[in-house]
Amino acid sequence: MNQATTPIVRNVDARHRYEILVEGERAGFTAYRDRDGQRVFFHTEIDDAFAGRGLASVLVREALSDVRSSGGRIVPVCPYVAKFLKKHEEFADLTDPVTPEILQWLETTLAR
């Protein structure tokens, strides 16, 4: 990958996810659902062809920064997002705990 090529992260609201693009090609995404001012992240995926480049970290950082700028809260159901948050305490102030209630809500929401 050319170092000059900066990955682009965009929120695709209609699909409830942030996508990361490398040279115009979708390299991965982190999926969410919104609930009362909370953005519940539940799945992050980077395509195998783009693995090992640190793209998941770039993607999640940009997604969480977007939530911050919109005044929202983060709920890290996704194991990758939860792991990221442990290493990046700058997002601790907008992180809410994963509760059984949220998990139940997410399951119901995704089943629709």
Protein backbone atom coordinates (compact mmCIF):
# COMPACT_ATOMS: atom_id res chain seq x y z
CA MET A 1 0.00 0.00 0.00
CA ASN A 2 1.31 3.41 -0.95
CA GLN A 3 1.88 5.40 2.27
CA ALA A 4 0.47 8.48 0.57
CA THR A 5 -2.91 6.77 0.29
CA THR A 6 -4.87 7.70 3.37
CA PRO A 7 -7.83 5.46 4.10
CA ILE A 8 -11.18 7.24 4.10
CA VAL A 9 -13.81 6.49 6.73
CA ARG A 10 -17.43 7.39 6.00
CA ASN A 11 -20.68 6.89 7.85
CA VAL A 12 -23.21 5.04 5.69
CA ASP A 13 -26.21 5.85 7.83
CA ALA A 14 -28.71 3.99 5.65
CA ARG A 15 -26.73 0.78 6.25
CA HIS A 16 -26.01 1.54 9.94
CA ARG A 17 -22.27 1.35 9.57
CA TYR A 18 -19.01 3.16 9.04
CA GLU A 19 -16.98 1.94 6.09
CA ILE A 20 -13.27 2.32 5.50
CA LEU A 21 -12.13 2.82 1.91
CA VAL A 22 -8.62 2.24 0.61
CA GLU A 23 -8.02 3.69 -2.86
CA GLY A 24 -11.78 3.78 -3.37
CA GLU A 25 -12.30 0.13 -2.45
CA ARG A 26 -14.28 -0.84 0.66
CA ALA A 27 -11.81 -2.55 2.99
CA GLY A 28 -14.12 -3.10 5.94
CA PHE A 29 -16.80 -1.72 8.21
CA THR A 30 -18.02 -1.38 11.77
CA ALA A 31 -21.77 -1.86 12.23
CA TYR A 32 -24.02 -0.12 14.73
CA ARG A 33 -27.58 0.57 15.75
CA ASP A 34 -28.76 3.75 17.47
CA ARG A 35 -30.72 3.75 20.73
CA ASP A 36 -31.63 6.87 22.74
CA GLY A 37 -28.49 8.85 21.97
CA GLN A 38 -26.30 5.75 22.15
CA ARG A 39 -24.53 4.26 19.16
CA VAL A 40 -24.30 0.53 19.87
CA PHE A 41 -21.37 -0.96 17.94
CA PHE A 42 -21.81 -4.71 17.48
CA HIS A 43 -19.57 -5.92 14.65
CA THR A 44 -16.30 -4.85 13.02
CA GLU A 45 -14.82 -6.56 9.99
CA ILE A 46 -11.81 -5.95 7.73
CA ASP A 47 -11.64 -7.89 4.46
CA ASP A 48 -8.80 -10.45 4.37
CA ALA A 49 -7.17 -8.66 1.42
CA PHE A 50 -6.63 -5.62 3.68
CA ALA A 51 -5.68 -7.43 6.91
CA GLY A 52 -2.59 -6.49 8.91
CA ARG A 53 -2.54 -2.81 7.98
CA GLY A 54 -4.06 -1.38 11.14
CA LEU A 55 -7.23 -0.42 9.29
CA ALA A 56 -9.61 -1.64 12.01
CA SER A 57 -7.97 0.76 14.45
CA VAL A 58 -8.26 3.69 12.00
CA LEU A 59 -11.88 2.77 11.28
CA VAL A 60 -12.93 2.51 14.92
CA ARG A 61 -11.06 5.69 15.94
CA GLU A 62 -12.82 7.68 13.19
CA ALA A 63 -16.22 6.16 14.03
CA LEU A 64 -15.85 6.96 17.73
CA SER A 65 -14.65 10.49 16.93
CA ASP A 66 -17.77 10.95 14.80
CA VAL A 67 -19.98 9.84 17.70
CA ARG A 68 -18.15 12.32 19.96
CA SER A 69 -18.64 15.20 17.52
CA SER A 70 -22.37 14.47 17.29
CA GLY A 71 -22.69 14.45 21.09
CA GLY A 72 -23.60 10.75 21.27
CA ARG A 73 -22.57 7.89 23.53
CA ILE A 74 -20.80 4.62 22.65
CA VAL A 75 -21.80 1.11 23.71
CA PRO A 76 -19.06 -1.39 22.75
CA VAL A 77 -20.86 -4.72 22.20
CA CYS A 78 -18.34 -5.54 19.45
CA PRO A 79 -15.27 -7.25 20.99
CA TYR A 80 -12.90 -5.27 18.77
CA VAL A 81 -14.43 -1.92 19.77
CA ALA A 82 -14.28 -2.95 23.45
CA LYS A 83 -10.58 -3.89 23.06
CA PHE A 84 -9.86 -0.61 21.27
CA LEU A 85 -11.49 1.37 24.09
CA LYS A 86 -9.29 -0.33 26.71
CA LYS A 87 -6.22 1.02 24.88
CA HIS A 88 -7.68 4.45 24.06
CA GLU A 89 -8.93 6.03 27.25
CA GLU A 90 -9.61 9.33 25.48
CA PHE A 91 -13.04 7.86 24.62
CA ALA A 92 -13.84 6.67 28.18
CA ASP A 93 -15.95 9.76 28.89
CA LEU A 94 -18.49 8.80 26.23
CA THR A 95 -18.56 5.04 26.73
CA ASP A 96 -21.56 3.36 28.37
CA PRO A 97 -21.47 -0.20 29.75
CA VAL A 98 -22.86 -3.15 27.84
CA THR A 99 -25.88 -4.30 29.87
CA PRO A 100 -28.22 -7.31 29.49
CA GLU A 101 -30.95 -4.81 28.57
CA ILE A 102 -28.88 -3.40 25.69
CA LEU A 103 -27.98 -6.90 24.47
CA GLN A 104 -31.67 -7.87 24.49
CA TRP A 105 -32.60 -4.66 22.66
CA LEU A 106 -29.86 -5.26 20.07
CA GLU A 107 -30.96 -8.86 19.48
CA THR A 108 -34.57 -7.71 18.95
CA THR A 109 -33.49 -4.85 16.68
CA LEU A 110 -31.27 -7.05 14.51
CA ALA A 111 -33.96 -9.71 14.19
CA ARG A 112 -36.31 -7.26 12.45
